[in-house]
Amino acid sequence: MVMYRKRIIQNDIQAIGEEAFPEDDVRWQVKNIRLVEENYALVHAMPLPSTVGYDSLVFVIRFETDGSYMMASCFCREGGGWELLFTDPGEKTDWNEMLDSITHA
């Protein structure tokens, strides 16, 4: 299951990035993926070129029991720390402790 989910993210990173930043014409690259808890993945991604206003972001992806997924949240590096850019209502947002570990891996 772990490799399957990582492969889905690698294959779909362009669509994931375009969902978050539909108005920007960039290519998205996965730098690191960390599966956490039972159904979440933290995805450190970079836009190329970096025209979305951030050099890198962390997308929080939630997997459903049927294998589908959705973007739960997005974080950016701002002022030396991580800032929540957006989240789906009701989603967990306390990922900050894990964000540094995925971006420095």
PDB file of N, CA and C in Angstrom:
ATOM      1  N   MET A   1       0.825  -1.199   0.000  1.00  0.00           N
ATOM      2  CA  MET A   1       0.000   0.000   0.000  1.00  0.00           C
ATOM      3  C   MET A   1       0.867   1.260   0.000  1.00  0.00           C
ATOM      4  N   VAL A   2       1.981   1.248   0.746  1.00  0.00           N
ATOM      5  CA  VAL A   2       2.853   2.415   0.826  1.00  0.00           C
ATOM      6  C   VAL A   2       3.396   2.769  -0.554  1.00  0.00           C
ATOM      7  N   MET A   3       3.964   1.810  -1.249  1.00  0.00           N
ATOM      8  CA  MET A   3       4.536   2.077  -2.570  1.00  0.00           C
ATOM      9  C   MET A   3       3.454   2.491  -3.559  1.00  0.00           C
ATOM     10  N   TYR A   4       2.282   1.889  -3.453  1.00  0.00           N
ATOM     11  CA  TYR A   4       1.170   2.229  -4.332  1.00  0.00           C
ATOM     12  C   TYR A   4       0.787   3.699  -4.165  1.00  0.00           C
ATOM     13  N   ARG A   5       0.657   4.155  -2.939  1.00  0.00           N
ATOM     14  CA  ARG A   5       0.276   5.545  -2.690  1.00  0.00           C
ATOM     15  C   ARG A   5       1.370   6.514  -3.137  1.00  0.00           C
ATOM     16  N   LYS A   6       2.613   6.171  -2.899  1.00  0.00           N
ATOM     17  CA  LYS A   6       3.701   7.035  -3.351  1.00  0.00           C
ATOM     18  C   LYS A   6       3.726   7.113  -4.878  1.00  0.00           C
ATOM     19  N   ARG A   7       3.482   6.008  -5.540  1.00  0.00           N
ATOM     20  CA  ARG A   7       3.451   5.991  -7.011  1.00  0.00           C
ATOM     21  C   ARG A   7       2.298   6.840  -7.542  1.00  0.00           C
ATOM     22  N   ILE A   8       1.147   6.783  -6.899  1.00  0.00           N
ATOM     23  CA  ILE A   8       0.011   7.617  -7.300  1.00  0.00           C
ATOM     24  C   ILE A   8       0.384   9.091  -7.203  1.00  0.00           C
ATOM     25  N   ILE A   9       0.994   9.475  -6.105  1.00  0.00           N
ATOM     26  CA  ILE A   9       1.378  10.875  -5.917  1.00  0.00           C
ATOM     27  C   ILE A   9       2.405  11.285  -6.970  1.00  0.00           C
ATOM     28  N   GLN A  10       3.424  10.455  -7.189  1.00  0.00           N
ATOM     29  CA  GLN A  10       4.443  10.774  -8.203  1.00  0.00           C
ATOM     30  C   GLN A  10       3.784  10.966  -9.575  1.00  0.00           C
ATOM     31  N   ASN A  11       2.880  10.073  -9.918  1.00  0.00           N
ATOM     32  CA  ASN A  11       2.217  10.134 -11.227  1.00  0.00           C
ATOM     33  C   ASN A  11       1.274  11.322 -11.349  1.00  0.00           C
ATOM     34  N   ASP A  12       0.661  11.727 -10.249  1.00  0.00           N
ATOM     35  CA  ASP A  12      -0.377  12.763 -10.287  1.00  0.00           C
ATOM     36  C   ASP A  12       0.079  14.125  -9.777  1.00  0.00           C
ATOM     37  N   ILE A  13       1.383  14.314  -9.534  1.00  0.00           N
ATOM     38  CA  ILE A  13       1.819  15.572  -8.924  1.00  0.00           C
ATOM     39  C   ILE A  13       1.449  16.779  -9.783  1.00  0.00           C
ATOM     40  N   GLN A  14       1.456  16.653 -11.080  1.00  0.00           N
ATOM     41  CA  GLN A  14       1.101  17.790 -11.916  1.00  0.00           C
ATOM     42  C   GLN A  14      -0.352  18.200 -11.674  1.00  0.00           C
ATOM     43  N   ALA A  15      -1.253  17.227 -11.634  1.00  0.00           N
ATOM     44  CA  ALA A  15      -2.668  17.517 -11.376  1.00  0.00           C
ATOM     45  C   ALA A  15      -2.871  18.068  -9.961  1.00  0.00           C
ATOM     46  N   ILE A  16      -2.128  17.543  -9.010  1.00  0.00           N
ATOM     47  CA  ILE A  16      -2.230  18.021  -7.624  1.00  0.00           C
ATOM     48  C   ILE A  16      -1.796  19.487  -7.554  1.00  0.00           C
ATOM     49  N   GLY A  17      -0.664  19.811  -8.155  1.00  0.00           N
ATOM     50  CA  GLY A  17      -0.183  21.189  -8.160  1.00  0.00           C
ATOM     51  C   GLY A  17      -1.120  22.133  -8.894  1.00  0.00           C
ATOM     52  N   GLU A  18      -1.668  21.677 -10.024  1.00  0.00           N
ATOM     53  CA  GLU A  18      -2.595  22.509 -10.794  1.00  0.00           C
ATOM     54  C   GLU A  18      -3.896  22.742 -10.044  1.00  0.00           C
ATOM     55  N   GLU A  19      -4.307  21.778  -9.229  1.00  0.00           N
ATOM     56  CA  GLU A  19      -5.507  21.971  -8.407  1.00  0.00           C
ATOM     57  C   GLU A  19      -5.286  23.095  -7.399  1.00  0.00           C
ATOM     58  N   ALA A  20      -4.090  23.132  -6.825  1.00  0.00           N
ATOM     59  CA  ALA A  20      -3.778  24.149  -5.813  1.00  0.00           C
ATOM     60  C   ALA A  20      -3.520  25.511  -6.438  1.00  0.00           C
ATOM     61  N   PHE A  21      -2.896  25.535  -7.607  1.00  0.00           N
ATOM     62  CA  PHE A  21      -2.512  26.781  -8.273  1.00  0.00           C
ATOM     63  C   PHE A  21      -2.921  26.724  -9.746  1.00  0.00           C
ATOM     64  N   PRO A  22      -4.219  26.767 -10.021  1.00  0.00           N
ATOM     65  CA  PRO A  22      -4.692  26.578 -11.392  1.00  0.00           C
ATOM     66  C   PRO A  22      -4.291  27.684 -12.367  1.00  0.00           C
ATOM     67  N   GLU A  23      -4.032  28.871 -11.870  1.00  0.00           N
ATOM     68  CA  GLU A  23      -3.721  29.982 -12.762  1.00  0.00           C
ATOM     69  C   GLU A  23      -2.248  30.041 -13.151  1.00  0.00           C
ATOM     70  N   ASP A  24      -1.404  29.247 -12.537  1.00  0.00           N
ATOM     71  CA  ASP A  24       0.031  29.277 -12.812  1.00  0.00           C
ATOM     72  C   ASP A  24       0.425  28.168 -13.773  1.00  0.00           C
ATOM     73  N   ASP A  25       1.270  28.518 -14.735  1.00  0.00           N
ATOM     74  CA  ASP A  25       1.736  27.566 -15.736  1.00  0.00           C
ATOM     75  C   ASP A  25       3.118  27.072 -15.327  1.00  0.00           C
ATOM     76  N   VAL A  26       3.137  26.081 -14.437  1.00  0.00           N
ATOM     77  CA  VAL A  26       4.406  25.542 -13.940  1.00  0.00           C
ATOM     78  C   VAL A  26       4.381  24.024 -14.020  1.00  0.00           C
ATOM     79  N   ARG A  27       5.561  23.460 -13.953  1.00  0.00           N
ATOM     80  CA  ARG A  27       5.708  22.010 -13.869  1.00  0.00           C
ATOM     81  C   ARG A  27       6.021  21.691 -12.407  1.00  0.00           C
ATOM     82  N   TRP A  28       5.373  20.690 -11.860  1.00  0.00           N
ATOM     83  CA  TRP A  28       5.552  20.338 -10.446  1.00  0.00           C
ATOM     84  C   TRP A  28       6.472  19.137 -10.316  1.00  0.00           C
ATOM     85  N   GLN A  29       7.344  19.200  -9.320  1.00  0.00           N
ATOM     86  CA  GLN A  29       8.297  18.137  -9.058  1.00  0.00           C
ATOM     87  C   GLN A  29       8.196  17.711  -7.594  1.00  0.00           C
ATOM     88  N   VAL A  30       8.105  16.413  -7.363  1.00  0.00           N
ATOM     89  CA  VAL A  30       8.091  15.877  -5.998  1.00  0.00           C
ATOM     90  C   VAL A  30       9.518  15.805  -5.484  1.00  0.00           C
ATOM     91  N   LYS A  31       9.756  16.400  -4.315  1.00  0.00           N
ATOM     92  CA  LYS A  31      11.056  16.307  -3.658  1.00  0.00           C
ATOM     93  C   LYS A  31      11.078  15.191  -2.619  1.00  0.00           C
ATOM     94  N   ASN A  32       9.938  14.991  -1.930  1.00  0.00           N
ATOM     95  CA  ASN A  32       9.876  13.971  -0.896  1.00  0.00           C
ATOM     96  C   ASN A  32       8.413  13.667  -0.582  1.00  0.00           C
ATOM     97  N   ILE A  33       8.166  12.437  -0.191  1.00  0.00           N
ATOM     98  CA  ILE A  33       6.822  12.010   0.223  1.00  0.00           C
ATOM     99  C   ILE A  33       6.967  11.276   1.551  1.00  0.00           C
ATOM    100  N   ARG A  34       6.126  11.631   2.479  1.00  0.00           N
ATOM    101  CA  ARG A  34       6.104  10.918   3.765  1.00  0.00           C
ATOM    102  C   ARG A  34       4.671  10.524   4.054  1.00  0.00           C
ATOM    103  N   LEU A  35       4.423   9.224   4.156  1.00  0.00           N
ATOM    104  CA  LEU A  35       3.098   8.741   4.528  1.00  0.00           C
ATOM    105  C   LEU A  35       2.993   8.793   6.035  1.00  0.00           C
ATOM    106  N   VAL A  36       1.914   9.385   6.521  1.00  0.00           N
ATOM    107  CA  VAL A  36       1.718   9.562   7.955  1.00  0.00           C
ATOM    108  C   VAL A  36       0.327   9.097   8.332  1.00  0.00           C
ATOM    109  N   GLU A  37       0.231   8.685   9.570  1.00  0.00           N
ATOM    110  CA  GLU A  37      -1.027   8.156  10.087  1.00  0.00           C
ATOM    111  C   GLU A  37      -1.505   7.062   9.145  1.00  0.00           C
ATOM    112  N   GLU A  38      -2.769   6.817   9.095  1.00  0.00           N
ATOM    113  CA  GLU A  38      -3.265   5.729   8.269  1.00  0.00           C
ATOM    114  C   GLU A  38      -3.583   6.161   6.850  1.00  0.00           C
ATOM    115  N   ASN A  39      -3.990   7.402   6.686  1.00  0.00           N
ATOM    116  CA  ASN A  39      -4.480   7.771   5.363  1.00  0.00           C
ATOM    117  C   ASN A  39      -4.020   9.146   4.878  1.00  0.00           C
ATOM    118  N   TYR A  40      -2.904   9.655   5.377  1.00  0.00           N
ATOM    119  CA  TYR A  40      -2.397  10.952   4.943  1.00  0.00           C
ATOM    120  C   TYR A  40      -0.993  10.825   4.373  1.00  0.00           C
ATOM    121  N   ALA A  41      -0.674  11.717   3.458  1.00  0.00           N
ATOM    122  CA  ALA A  41       0.679  11.834   2.921  1.00  0.00           C
ATOM    123  C   ALA A  41       1.063  13.303   2.922  1.00  0.00           C
ATOM    124  N   LEU A  42       2.298  13.583   3.321  1.00  0.00           N
ATOM    125  CA  LEU A  42       2.863  14.915   3.207  1.00  0.00           C
ATOM    126  C   LEU A  42       3.749  14.892   1.969  1.00  0.00           C
ATOM    127  N   VAL A  43       3.516  15.821   1.067  1.00  0.00           N
ATOM    128  CA  VAL A  43       4.231  15.839  -0.202  1.00  0.00           C
ATOM    129  C   VAL A  43       4.976  17.161  -0.327  1.00  0.00           C
ATOM    130  N   HIS A  44       6.297  17.097  -0.262  1.00  0.00           N
ATOM    131  CA  HIS A  44       7.125  18.279  -0.470  1.00  0.00           C
ATOM    132  C   HIS A  44       7.298  18.425  -1.984  1.00  0.00           C
ATOM    133  N   ALA A  45       6.786  19.518  -2.532  1.00  0.00           N
ATOM    134  CA  ALA A  45       6.797  19.716  -3.980  1.00  0.00           C
ATOM    135  C   ALA A  45       7.359  21.087  -4.330  1.00  0.00           C
ATOM    136  N   MET A  46       7.953  21.151  -5.529  1.00  0.00           N
ATOM    137  CA  MET A  46       8.528  22.402  -6.018  1.00  0.00           C
ATOM    138  C   MET A  46       7.907  22.757  -7.364  1.00  0.00           C
ATOM    139  N   PRO A  47       7.525  24.028  -7.520  1.00  0.00           N
ATOM    140  CA  PRO A  47       7.059  24.482  -8.830  1.00  0.00           C
ATOM    141  C   PRO A  47       8.249  24.934  -9.674  1.00  0.00           C
ATOM    142  N   LEU A  48       8.255  24.544 -10.938  1.00  0.00           N
ATOM    143  CA  LEU A  48       9.328  24.936 -11.848  1.00  0.00           C
ATOM    144  C   LEU A  48       8.726  25.607 -13.077  1.00  0.00           C
ATOM    145  N   PRO A  49       8.970  26.856 -13.363  1.00  0.00           N
ATOM    146  CA  PRO A  49       9.747  27.776 -12.543  1.00  0.00           C
ATOM    147  C   PRO A  49       8.945  28.181 -11.305  1.00  0.00           C
ATOM    148  N   SER A  50       9.620  28.793 -10.370  1.00  0.00           N
ATOM    149  CA  SER A  50       9.007  29.158  -9.095  1.00  0.00           C
ATOM    150  C   SER A  50       8.232  30.474  -9.225  1.00  0.00           C
ATOM    151  N   THR A  51       7.122  30.430  -9.917  1.00  0.00           N
ATOM    152  CA  THR A  51       6.342  31.646 -10.156  1.00  0.00           C
ATOM    153  C   THR A  51       5.053  31.699  -9.339  1.00  0.00           C
ATOM    154  N   VAL A  52       4.837  30.732  -8.463  1.00  0.00           N
ATOM    155  CA  VAL A  52       3.615  30.722  -7.654  1.00  0.00           C
ATOM    156  C   VAL A  52       3.780  31.543  -6.371  1.00  0.00           C
ATOM    157  N   GLY A  53       4.968  32.086  -6.173  1.00  0.00           N
ATOM    158  CA  GLY A  53       5.221  32.902  -4.988  1.00  0.00           C
ATOM    159  C   GLY A  53       5.975  32.170  -3.895  1.00  0.00           C
ATOM    160  N   TYR A  54       6.243  30.891  -4.092  1.00  0.00           N
ATOM    161  CA  TYR A  54       6.948  30.083  -3.096  1.00  0.00           C
ATOM    162  C   TYR A  54       7.902  29.141  -3.814  1.00  0.00           C
ATOM    163  N   ASP A  55       9.073  28.909  -3.218  1.00  0.00           N
ATOM    164  CA  ASP A  55      10.046  27.994  -3.812  1.00  0.00           C
ATOM    165  C   ASP A  55       9.613  26.538  -3.676  1.00  0.00           C
ATOM    166  N   SER A  56       8.924  26.246  -2.572  1.00  0.00           N
ATOM    167  CA  SER A  56       8.429  24.885  -2.356  1.00  0.00           C
ATOM    168  C   SER A  56       7.219  24.945  -1.437  1.00  0.00           C
ATOM    169  N   LEU A  57       6.446  23.893  -1.504  1.00  0.00           N
ATOM    170  CA  LEU A  57       5.239  23.789  -0.681  1.00  0.00           C
ATOM    171  C   LEU A  57       5.126  22.371  -0.159  1.00  0.00           C
ATOM    172  N   VAL A  58       4.278  22.200   0.833  1.00  0.00           N
ATOM    173  CA  VAL A  58       3.927  20.855   1.286  1.00  0.00           C
ATOM    174  C   VAL A  58       2.427  20.709   1.121  1.00  0.00           C
ATOM    175  N   PHE A  59       2.051  19.751   0.266  1.00  0.00           N
ATOM    176  CA  PHE A  59       0.649  19.397   0.094  1.00  0.00           C
ATOM    177  C   PHE A  59       0.332  18.262   1.058  1.00  0.00           C
ATOM    178  N   VAL A  60      -0.770  18.361   1.765  1.00  0.00           N
ATOM    179  CA  VAL A  60      -1.235  17.268   2.620  1.00  0.00           C
ATOM    180  C   VAL A  60      -2.349  16.577   1.841  1.00  0.00           C
ATOM    181  N   ILE A  61      -2.129  15.306   1.533  1.00  0.00           N
ATOM    182  CA  ILE A  61      -3.065  14.518   0.737  1.00  0.00           C
ATOM    183  C   ILE A  61      -3.750  13.500   1.651  1.00  0.00           C
ATOM    184  N   ARG A  62      -5.067  13.421   1.543  1.00  0.00           N
ATOM    185  CA  ARG A  62      -5.811  12.426   2.317  1.00  0.00           C
ATOM    186  C   ARG A  62      -6.327  11.352   1.383  1.00  0.00           C
ATOM    187  N   PHE A  63      -6.019  10.097   1.696  1.00  0.00           N
ATOM    188  CA  PHE A  63      -6.491   8.960   0.916  1.00  0.00           C
ATOM    189  C   PHE A  63      -7.785   8.430   1.513  1.00  0.00           C
ATOM    190  N   GLU A  64      -8.711   8.114   0.653  1.00  0.00           N
ATOM    191  CA  GLU A  64      -9.996   7.531   1.061  1.00  0.00           C
ATOM    192  C   GLU A  64      -9.878   6.007   1.049  1.00  0.00           C
ATOM    193  N   THR A  65     -10.827   5.334   1.639  1.00  0.00           N
ATOM    194  CA  THR A  65     -10.785   3.875   1.704  1.00  0.00           C
ATOM    195  C   THR A  65     -10.907   3.222   0.329  1.00  0.00           C
ATOM    196  N   ASP A  66     -11.497   3.935  -0.635  1.00  0.00           N
ATOM    197  CA  ASP A  66     -11.628   3.366  -1.986  1.00  0.00           C
ATOM    198  C   ASP A  66     -10.384   3.593  -2.845  1.00  0.00           C
ATOM    199  N   GLY A  67      -9.323   4.191  -2.267  1.00  0.00           N
ATOM    200  CA  GLY A  67      -8.089   4.429  -3.004  1.00  0.00           C
ATOM    201  C   GLY A  67      -7.995   5.811  -3.634  1.00  0.00           C
ATOM    202  N   SER A  68      -9.092   6.544  -3.671  1.00  0.00           N
ATOM    203  CA  SER A  68      -9.047   7.896  -4.212  1.00  0.00           C
ATOM    204  C   SER A  68      -8.379   8.821  -3.194  1.00  0.00           C
ATOM    205  N   TYR A  69      -8.072  10.028  -3.618  1.00  0.00           N
ATOM    206  CA  TYR A  69      -7.429  10.967  -2.713  1.00  0.00           C
ATOM    207  C   TYR A  69      -7.941  12.373  -2.971  1.00  0.00           C
ATOM    208  N   MET A  70      -7.657  13.250  -2.023  1.00  0.00           N
ATOM    209  CA  MET A  70      -7.980  14.664  -2.181  1.00  0.00           C
ATOM    210  C   MET A  70      -6.935  15.479  -1.433  1.00  0.00           C
ATOM    211  N   MET A  71      -6.745  16.722  -1.863  1.00  0.00           N
ATOM    212  CA  MET A  71      -5.838  17.595  -1.145  1.00  0.00           C
ATOM    213  C   MET A  71      -6.551  18.105   0.091  1.00  0.00           C
ATOM    214  N   ALA A  72      -5.947  17.882   1.244  1.00  0.00           N
ATOM    215  CA  ALA A  72      -6.548  18.304   2.497  1.00  0.00           C
ATOM    216  C   ALA A  72      -6.077  19.700   2.887  1.00  0.00           C
ATOM    217  N   SER A  73      -4.784  19.980   2.665  1.00  0.00           N
ATOM    218  CA  SER A  73      -4.195  21.256   3.069  1.00  0.00           C
ATOM    219  C   SER A  73      -2.966  21.550   2.230  1.00  0.00           C
ATOM    220  N   CYS A  74      -2.522  22.794   2.332  1.00  0.00           N
ATOM    221  CA  CYS A  74      -1.291  23.211   1.670  1.00  0.00           C
ATOM    222  C   CYS A  74      -0.565  24.190   2.587  1.00  0.00           C
ATOM    223  N   PHE A  75       0.750  23.969   2.758  1.00  0.00           N
ATOM    224  CA  PHE A  75       1.577  24.816   3.603  1.00  0.00           C
ATOM    225  C   PHE A  75       2.702  25.431   2.779  1.00  0.00           C
ATOM    226  N   CYS A  76       3.110  26.637   3.154  1.00  0.00           N
ATOM    227  CA  CYS A  76       4.236  27.309   2.525  1.00  0.00           C
ATOM    228  C   CYS A  76       5.212  27.766   3.597  1.00  0.00           C
ATOM    229  N   ARG A  77       6.448  28.014   3.200  1.00  0.00           N
ATOM    230  CA  ARG A  77       7.472  28.532   4.097  1.00  0.00           C
ATOM    231  C   ARG A  77       7.365  30.046   4.068  1.00  0.00           C
ATOM    232  N   GLU A  78       7.130  30.649   5.212  1.00  0.00           N
ATOM    233  CA  GLU A  78       6.928  32.091   5.282  1.00  0.00           C
ATOM    234  C   GLU A  78       7.520  32.603   6.583  1.00  0.00           C
ATOM    235  N   GLY A  79       8.410  33.572   6.501  1.00  0.00           N
ATOM    236  CA  GLY A  79       8.970  34.188   7.702  1.00  0.00           C
ATOM    237  C   GLY A  79       9.710  33.228   8.604  1.00  0.00           C
ATOM    238  N   GLY A  80      10.373  32.233   8.038  1.00  0.00           N
ATOM    239  CA  GLY A  80      11.144  31.285   8.831  1.00  0.00           C
ATOM    240  C   GLY A  80      10.344  30.127   9.401  1.00  0.00           C
ATOM    241  N   GLY A  81       9.048  30.109   9.185  1.00  0.00           N
ATOM    242  CA  GLY A  81       8.218  29.013   9.680  1.00  0.00           C
ATOM    243  C   GLY A  81       7.223  28.573   8.622  1.00  0.00           C
ATOM    244  N   TRP A  82       6.434  27.606   8.961  1.00  0.00           N
ATOM    245  CA  TRP A  82       5.422  27.086   8.039  1.00  0.00           C
ATOM    246  C   TRP A  82       4.096  27.779   8.281  1.00  0.00           C
ATOM    247  N   GLU A  83       3.455  28.166   7.197  1.00  0.00           N
ATOM    248  CA  GLU A  83       2.150  28.823   7.249  1.00  0.00           C
ATOM    249  C   GLU A  83       1.151  27.999   6.455  1.00  0.00           C
ATOM    250  N   LEU A  84      -0.039  27.898   6.981  1.00  0.00           N
ATOM    251  CA  LEU A  84      -1.123  27.214   6.283  1.00  0.00           C
ATOM    252  C   LEU A  84      -1.670  28.149   5.211  1.00  0.00           C
ATOM    253  N   LEU A  85      -1.605  27.707   3.951  1.00  0.00           N
ATOM    254  CA  LEU A  85      -2.162  28.497   2.847  1.00  0.00           C
ATOM    255  C   LEU A  85      -3.662  28.265   2.706  1.00  0.00           C
ATOM    256  N   PHE A  86      -4.051  26.986   2.736  1.00  0.00           N
ATOM    257  CA  PHE A  86      -5.471  26.658   2.658  1.00  0.00           C
ATOM    258  C   PHE A  86      -5.694  25.249   3.178  1.00  0.00           C
ATOM    259  N   THR A  87      -6.936  24.976   3.522  1.00  0.00           N
ATOM    260  CA  THR A  87      -7.314  23.651   4.001  1.00  0.00           C
ATOM    261  C   THR A  87      -8.790  23.426   3.738  1.00  0.00           C
ATOM    262  N   ASP A  88      -9.173  22.181   3.619  1.00  0.00           N
ATOM    263  CA  ASP A  88     -10.593  21.847   3.539  1.00  0.00           C
ATOM    264  C   ASP A  88     -11.189  21.968   4.938  1.00  0.00           C
ATOM    265  N   PRO A  89     -12.413  22.448   5.035  1.00  0.00           N
ATOM    266  CA  PRO A  89     -13.052  22.559   6.355  1.00  0.00           C
ATOM    267  C   PRO A  89     -13.053  21.212   7.083  1.00  0.00           C
ATOM    268  N   GLY A  90     -12.723  21.273   8.348  1.00  0.00           N
ATOM    269  CA  GLY A  90     -12.748  20.064   9.171  1.00  0.00           C
ATOM    270  C   GLY A  90     -11.486  19.227   9.103  1.00  0.00           C
ATOM    271  N   GLU A  91     -10.535  19.625   8.252  1.00  0.00           N
ATOM    272  CA  GLU A  91      -9.294  18.858   8.139  1.00  0.00           C
ATOM    273  C   GLU A  91      -8.344  19.191   9.276  1.00  0.00           C
ATOM    274  N   LYS A  92      -7.541  18.236   9.614  1.00  0.00           N
ATOM    275  CA  LYS A  92      -6.473  18.406  10.598  1.00  0.00           C
ATOM    276  C   LYS A  92      -5.455  19.399  10.029  1.00  0.00           C
ATOM    277  N   THR A  93      -4.966  20.326  10.844  1.00  0.00           N
ATOM    278  CA  THR A  93      -4.004  21.318  10.361  1.00  0.00           C
ATOM    279  C   THR A  93      -2.730  21.384  11.201  1.00  0.00           C
ATOM    280  N   ASP A  94      -2.595  20.517  12.178  1.00  0.00           N
ATOM    281  CA  ASP A  94      -1.425  20.580  13.063  1.00  0.00           C
ATOM    282  C   ASP A  94      -0.288  19.665  12.580  1.00  0.00           C
ATOM    283  N   TRP A  95       0.185  19.936  11.366  1.00  0.00           N
ATOM    284  CA  TRP A  95       1.248  19.146  10.768  1.00  0.00           C
ATOM    285  C   TRP A  95       2.623  19.773  10.958  1.00  0.00           C
ATOM    286  N   ASN A  96       2.697  20.945  11.558  1.00  0.00           N
ATOM    287  CA  ASN A  96       3.936  21.728  11.582  1.00  0.00           C
ATOM    288  C   ASN A  96       5.156  20.960  12.086  1.00  0.00           C
ATOM    289  N   GLU A  97       5.011  20.112  13.075  1.00  0.00           N
ATOM    290  CA  GLU A  97       6.155  19.375  13.607  1.00  0.00           C
ATOM    291  C   GLU A  97       6.761  18.439  12.569  1.00  0.00           C
ATOM    292  N   MET A  98       5.948  17.949  11.656  1.00  0.00           N
ATOM    293  CA  MET A  98       6.432  17.012  10.640  1.00  0.00           C
ATOM    294  C   MET A  98       6.946  17.709   9.388  1.00  0.00           C
ATOM    295  N   LEU A  99       6.591  18.954   9.178  1.00  0.00           N
ATOM    296  CA  LEU A  99       6.927  19.627   7.923  1.00  0.00           C
ATOM    297  C   LEU A  99       8.433  19.821   7.747  1.00  0.00           C
ATOM    298  N   ASP A 100       9.133  20.202   8.793  1.00  0.00           N
ATOM    299  CA  ASP A 100      10.584  20.360   8.665  1.00  0.00           C
ATOM    300  C   ASP A 100      11.263  19.045   8.332  1.00  0.00           C
ATOM    301  N   SER A 101      10.798  17.949   8.895  1.00  0.00           N
ATOM    302  CA  SER A 101      11.445  16.669   8.647  1.00  0.00           C
ATOM    303  C   SER A 101      11.283  16.224   7.190  1.00  0.00           C
ATOM    304  N   ILE A 102      10.190  16.548   6.561  1.00  0.00           N
ATOM    305  CA  ILE A 102      10.007  16.127   5.171  1.00  0.00           C
ATOM    306  C   ILE A 102      10.785  17.025   4.216  1.00  0.00           C
ATOM    307  N   THR A 103      10.959  18.275   4.552  1.00  0.00           N
ATOM    308  CA  THR A 103      11.630  19.200   3.652  1.00  0.00           C
ATOM    309  C   THR A 103      13.148  19.178   3.823  1.00  0.00           C
ATOM    310  N   HIS A 104      13.632  18.566   4.886  1.00  0.00           N
ATOM    311  CA  HIS A 104      15.084  18.462   5.093  1.00  0.00           C
ATOM    312  C   HIS A 104      15.580  17.051   4.913  1.00  0.00           C
ATOM    313  N   ALA A 105      14.729  16.193   4.391  1.00  0.00           N
ATOM    314  CA  ALA A 105      15.115  14.782   4.236  1.00  0.00           C
ATOM    315  C   ALA A 105      15.999  14.570   3.023  1.00  0.00           C
TER     316      ALA A 105
END
